[in-house]
Amino acid sequence: MKNWYVINTKPKKEFQVERLFTEGGIKIYNPKYIYDNRIKPFFPGYEFIYFDFPAQYQLVRYTRGVKRVVGVKDIPIPIPEKVIGEIRSRELEGLIAIDKFGEEPEVGDEIEVVEGPLKGLRGVFKKELTARERVLILLNYVTYQGQLIIEKEKLKKVIK
């Protein structure tokens, strides 16, 4: 009977395993996201695969790049279709959307730096600068007013 199962891949082999199963006509789901302008697996070392156990078990288990099928001994544990659907529902254009610090700031919004050496500083979101997600913020303190260029992912919008 066909079900979704989890396979554990060898390190850094997620994309190779995905390609092999796709070319072989076996449905596989490798959730991905973007980090530092690179596509990465959302669950490094793990993928979801839809196959017939026990008929296709040996084929899956001994495919190049597969370390093991997750389960108890030689019996894989099925994953409900609902779990796959929930993960897919978080995708935008084939990639998992990650809202790291809540709502996206817009020009004029008060923001706070949440990562790095400037953590805790507050300012005003001025404008986006490049495709690398850098932004210009205006810092305004008692005796200091200045501008700072910082990665957008290190900011959060201050909710009042």
C-alpha atoms as a PDB file:
ATOM      1  CA  MET A   1       0.000   0.000   0.000  1.00  0.00           C
ATOM      2  CA  LYS A   2       1.346   3.439  -0.961  1.00  0.00           C
ATOM      3  CA  ASN A   3       1.974   5.965   1.804  1.00  0.00           C
ATOM      4  CA  TRP A   4       4.242   8.878   2.587  1.00  0.00           C
ATOM      5  CA  TYR A   5       7.381   7.943   4.529  1.00  0.00           C
ATOM      6  CA  VAL A   6      10.507   9.792   5.658  1.00  0.00           C
ATOM      7  CA  ILE A   7      13.939   8.922   4.358  1.00  0.00           C
ATOM      8  CA  ASN A   8      17.216   9.971   5.926  1.00  0.00           C
ATOM      9  CA  THR A   9      19.775  10.960   3.291  1.00  0.00           C
ATOM     10  CA  LYS A  10      23.514  11.036   3.469  1.00  0.00           C
ATOM     11  CA  PRO A  11      24.961  14.492   4.273  1.00  0.00           C
ATOM     12  CA  LYS A  12      24.454  17.071   1.500  1.00  0.00           C
ATOM     13  CA  LYS A  13      22.764  14.511  -0.787  1.00  0.00           C
ATOM     14  CA  GLU A  14      19.164  15.774  -0.555  1.00  0.00           C
ATOM     15  CA  PHE A  15      19.080  17.232  -4.074  1.00  0.00           C
ATOM     16  CA  GLN A  16      20.786  14.189  -5.638  1.00  0.00           C
ATOM     17  CA  VAL A  17      18.306  11.814  -3.976  1.00  0.00           C
ATOM     18  CA  GLU A  18      15.397  14.012  -5.048  1.00  0.00           C
ATOM     19  CA  ARG A  19      16.613  13.952  -8.659  1.00  0.00           C
ATOM     20  CA  LEU A  20      17.122  10.162  -8.685  1.00  0.00           C
ATOM     21  CA  PHE A  21      13.620   9.418  -7.393  1.00  0.00           C
ATOM     22  CA  THR A  22      11.999  12.013  -9.648  1.00  0.00           C
ATOM     23  CA  GLU A  23      13.746  10.534 -12.696  1.00  0.00           C
ATOM     24  CA  GLY A  24      12.678   7.061 -11.520  1.00  0.00           C
ATOM     25  CA  GLY A  25       9.010   8.095 -11.329  1.00  0.00           C
ATOM     26  CA  ILE A  26       8.693   7.911  -7.537  1.00  0.00           C
ATOM     27  CA  LYS A  27       6.991  10.877  -5.877  1.00  0.00           C
ATOM     28  CA  ILE A  28       9.318  12.672  -3.463  1.00  0.00           C
ATOM     29  CA  TYR A  29       8.907  15.902  -1.520  1.00  0.00           C
ATOM     30  CA  ASN A  30      11.947  17.874  -0.404  1.00  0.00           C
ATOM     31  CA  PRO A  31      10.726  21.145   1.176  1.00  0.00           C
ATOM     32  CA  LYS A  32      13.103  24.040   0.461  1.00  0.00           C
ATOM     33  CA  TYR A  33      13.665  27.628   1.531  1.00  0.00           C
ATOM     34  CA  ILE A  34      16.046  30.461   0.631  1.00  0.00           C
ATOM     35  CA  TYR A  35      18.859  31.513   2.959  1.00  0.00           C
ATOM     36  CA  ASP A  36      21.722  33.806   1.916  1.00  0.00           C
ATOM     37  CA  ASN A  37      20.379  33.731  -1.663  1.00  0.00           C
ATOM     38  CA  ARG A  38      20.776  29.932  -1.824  1.00  0.00           C
ATOM     39  CA  ILE A  39      18.086  27.292  -1.942  1.00  0.00           C
ATOM     40  CA  LYS A  40      18.475  24.911   0.989  1.00  0.00           C
ATOM     41  CA  PRO A  41      16.539  21.901   2.259  1.00  0.00           C
ATOM     42  CA  PHE A  42      14.092  22.838   5.012  1.00  0.00           C
ATOM     43  CA  PHE A  43      14.816  19.534   6.781  1.00  0.00           C
ATOM     44  CA  PRO A  44      18.516  18.874   6.077  1.00  0.00           C
ATOM     45  CA  GLY A  45      19.133  15.155   5.701  1.00  0.00           C
ATOM     46  CA  TYR A  46      15.437  14.226   5.460  1.00  0.00           C
ATOM     47  CA  GLU A  47      12.851  14.011   2.677  1.00  0.00           C
ATOM     48  CA  PHE A  48       9.337  12.686   2.263  1.00  0.00           C
ATOM     49  CA  ILE A  49       8.766   9.897  -0.227  1.00  0.00           C
ATOM     50  CA  TYR A  50       5.554   8.273  -1.468  1.00  0.00           C
ATOM     51  CA  PHE A  51       6.021   4.591  -2.197  1.00  0.00           C
ATOM     52  CA  ASP A  52       4.468   1.145  -1.853  1.00  0.00           C
ATOM     53  CA  PHE A  53       5.668  -0.713   1.228  1.00  0.00           C
ATOM     54  CA  PRO A  54       6.827  -3.489   1.086  1.00  0.00           C
ATOM     55  CA  ALA A  55       6.923  -3.777  -2.741  1.00  0.00           C
ATOM     56  CA  GLN A  56       9.266  -0.802  -3.332  1.00  0.00           C
ATOM     57  CA  TYR A  57      11.082  -0.834   0.011  1.00  0.00           C
ATOM     58  CA  GLN A  58      14.349  -2.353  -1.270  1.00  0.00           C
ATOM     59  CA  LEU A  59      14.436   0.039  -4.226  1.00  0.00           C
ATOM     60  CA  VAL A  60      14.026   3.042  -1.926  1.00  0.00           C
ATOM     61  CA  ARG A  61      16.344   1.757   0.797  1.00  0.00           C
ATOM     62  CA  TYR A  62      19.249   1.052  -1.561  1.00  0.00           C
ATOM     63  CA  THR A  63      19.028   4.115  -3.793  1.00  0.00           C
ATOM     64  CA  ARG A  64      22.317   6.031  -3.905  1.00  0.00           C
ATOM     65  CA  GLY A  65      22.371   8.766  -1.262  1.00  0.00           C
ATOM     66  CA  VAL A  66      19.741   7.194   1.007  1.00  0.00           C
ATOM     67  CA  LYS A  67      21.020   6.336   4.476  1.00  0.00           C
ATOM     68  CA  ARG A  68      17.816   4.730   5.788  1.00  0.00           C
ATOM     69  CA  VAL A  69      14.050   4.779   5.744  1.00  0.00           C
ATOM     70  CA  VAL A  70      12.838   6.150   9.071  1.00  0.00           C
ATOM     71  CA  GLY A  71      10.983   3.555  11.087  1.00  0.00           C
ATOM     72  CA  VAL A  72      11.369   0.680  13.502  1.00  0.00           C
ATOM     73  CA  LYS A  73      13.906  -1.874  12.224  1.00  0.00           C
ATOM     74  CA  ASP A  74      12.824  -2.595   8.629  1.00  0.00           C
ATOM     75  CA  ILE A  75       9.289  -1.252   8.998  1.00  0.00           C
ATOM     76  CA  PRO A  76       8.884   2.399   7.977  1.00  0.00           C
ATOM     77  CA  ILE A  77       6.436   4.624   9.829  1.00  0.00           C
ATOM     78  CA  PRO A  78       3.814   6.149   7.496  1.00  0.00           C
ATOM     79  CA  ILE A  79       3.306   9.915   7.544  1.00  0.00           C
ATOM     80  CA  PRO A  80      -0.288  11.181   7.184  1.00  0.00           C
ATOM     81  CA  GLU A  81      -1.051  13.021   3.939  1.00  0.00           C
ATOM     82  CA  LYS A  82      -2.283  15.906   6.123  1.00  0.00           C
ATOM     83  CA  VAL A  83       1.280  16.540   7.394  1.00  0.00           C
ATOM     84  CA  ILE A  84       2.591  16.881   3.826  1.00  0.00           C
ATOM     85  CA  GLY A  85      -0.317  19.195   3.008  1.00  0.00           C
ATOM     86  CA  GLU A  86       0.402  21.398   6.036  1.00  0.00           C
ATOM     87  CA  ILE A  87       4.042  21.812   5.019  1.00  0.00           C
ATOM     88  CA  ARG A  88       3.102  22.541   1.399  1.00  0.00           C
ATOM     89  CA  SER A  89       0.571  25.149   2.549  1.00  0.00           C
ATOM     90  CA  ARG A  90       3.491  27.251   3.850  1.00  0.00           C
ATOM     91  CA  GLU A  91       5.079  27.432   0.392  1.00  0.00           C
ATOM     92  CA  LEU A  92       5.155  30.441  -1.874  1.00  0.00           C
ATOM     93  CA  GLU A  93       6.384  29.708  -5.405  1.00  0.00           C
ATOM     94  CA  GLY A  94       7.762  26.310  -4.341  1.00  0.00           C
ATOM     95  CA  LEU A  95       9.697  27.570  -1.316  1.00  0.00           C
ATOM     96  CA  ILE A  96       8.771  27.572   2.370  1.00  0.00           C
ATOM     97  CA  ALA A  97       7.986  31.132   3.437  1.00  0.00           C
ATOM     98  CA  ILE A  98       9.658  32.037   6.694  1.00  0.00           C
ATOM     99  CA  ASP A  99       8.446  35.099   8.550  1.00  0.00           C
ATOM    100  CA  LYS A 100      11.422  35.432  10.829  1.00  0.00           C
ATOM    101  CA  PHE A 101      10.336  38.404  12.913  1.00  0.00           C
ATOM    102  CA  GLY A 102       6.717  38.986  12.006  1.00  0.00           C
ATOM    103  CA  GLU A 103       5.294  41.610   9.713  1.00  0.00           C
ATOM    104  CA  GLU A 104       7.406  43.158   6.926  1.00  0.00           C
ATOM    105  CA  PRO A 105       8.339  46.765   7.734  1.00  0.00           C
ATOM    106  CA  GLU A 106       7.335  49.483   5.293  1.00  0.00           C
ATOM    107  CA  VAL A 107       8.757  52.960   4.724  1.00  0.00           C
ATOM    108  CA  GLY A 108       8.111  55.090   7.815  1.00  0.00           C
ATOM    109  CA  ASP A 109       7.589  52.163  10.210  1.00  0.00           C
ATOM    110  CA  GLU A 110       9.405  52.086  13.522  1.00  0.00           C
ATOM    111  CA  ILE A 111      11.785  49.106  13.570  1.00  0.00           C
ATOM    112  CA  GLU A 112      14.107  47.360  15.998  1.00  0.00           C
ATOM    113  CA  VAL A 113      17.357  45.551  15.205  1.00  0.00           C
ATOM    114  CA  VAL A 114      16.982  41.978  16.510  1.00  0.00           C
ATOM    115  CA  GLU A 115      20.319  40.407  15.518  1.00  0.00           C
ATOM    116  CA  GLY A 116      23.975  41.294  15.573  1.00  0.00           C
ATOM    117  CA  PRO A 117      25.998  43.883  17.481  1.00  0.00           C
ATOM    118  CA  LEU A 118      23.325  46.582  17.061  1.00  0.00           C
ATOM    119  CA  LYS A 119      20.596  44.433  18.643  1.00  0.00           C
ATOM    120  CA  GLY A 120      18.067  46.535  20.519  1.00  0.00           C
ATOM    121  CA  LEU A 121      18.572  49.750  18.551  1.00  0.00           C
ATOM    122  CA  ARG A 122      15.397  51.342  17.259  1.00  0.00           C
ATOM    123  CA  GLY A 123      14.907  53.543  14.273  1.00  0.00           C
ATOM    124  CA  VAL A 124      12.685  54.339  11.302  1.00  0.00           C
ATOM    125  CA  PHE A 125      12.587  52.213   8.139  1.00  0.00           C
ATOM    126  CA  LYS A 126      13.748  54.546   5.365  1.00  0.00           C
ATOM    127  CA  LYS A 127      14.001  52.476   2.138  1.00  0.00           C
ATOM    128  CA  GLU A 128      15.091  49.198   0.544  1.00  0.00           C
ATOM    129  CA  LEU A 129      18.412  49.423  -1.268  1.00  0.00           C
ATOM    130  CA  THR A 130      19.265  46.222  -3.138  1.00  0.00           C
ATOM    131  CA  ALA A 131      18.101  42.766  -4.089  1.00  0.00           C
ATOM    132  CA  ARG A 132      20.366  41.483  -1.302  1.00  0.00           C
ATOM    133  CA  GLU A 133      17.675  42.609   1.135  1.00  0.00           C
ATOM    134  CA  ARG A 134      19.651  45.517   2.541  1.00  0.00           C
ATOM    135  CA  VAL A 135      17.730  48.463   3.879  1.00  0.00           C
ATOM    136  CA  LEU A 136      18.431  51.976   5.079  1.00  0.00           C
ATOM    137  CA  ILE A 137      17.189  52.927   8.534  1.00  0.00           C
ATOM    138  CA  LEU A 138      17.308  56.239  10.315  1.00  0.00           C
ATOM    139  CA  LEU A 139      18.560  56.082  13.897  1.00  0.00           C
ATOM    140  CA  ASN A 140      17.342  58.905  16.082  1.00  0.00           C
ATOM    141  CA  TYR A 141      18.603  59.178  19.661  1.00  0.00           C
ATOM    142  CA  VAL A 142      19.053  61.939  22.202  1.00  0.00           C
ATOM    143  CA  THR A 143      22.443  63.149  20.973  1.00  0.00           C
ATOM    144  CA  TYR A 144      22.828  61.164  17.768  1.00  0.00           C
ATOM    145  CA  GLN A 145      21.057  61.043  14.453  1.00  0.00           C
ATOM    146  CA  GLY A 146      22.417  58.891  11.663  1.00  0.00           C
ATOM    147  CA  GLN A 147      21.665  56.434   8.916  1.00  0.00           C
ATOM    148  CA  LEU A 148      22.563  52.763   8.881  1.00  0.00           C
ATOM    149  CA  ILE A 149      22.552  50.172   6.103  1.00  0.00           C
ATOM    150  CA  ILE A 150      21.654  46.726   7.456  1.00  0.00           C
ATOM    151  CA  GLU A 151      20.255  43.381   6.283  1.00  0.00           C
ATOM    152  CA  LYS A 152      16.461  43.420   6.294  1.00  0.00           C
ATOM    153  CA  GLU A 153      16.316  40.000   7.969  1.00  0.00           C
ATOM    154  CA  LYS A 154      17.881  41.519  11.099  1.00  0.00           C
ATOM    155  CA  LEU A 155      14.945  43.874  11.673  1.00  0.00           C
ATOM    156  CA  LYS A 156      11.461  43.580  13.044  1.00  0.00           C
ATOM    157  CA  LYS A 157       8.621  46.021  12.833  1.00  0.00           C
ATOM    158  CA  VAL A 158       7.730  47.494  16.216  1.00  0.00           C
ATOM    159  CA  ILE A 159       4.057  46.878  16.962  1.00  0.00           C
ATOM    160  CA  LYS A 160       2.513  49.616  19.083  1.00  0.00           C
END
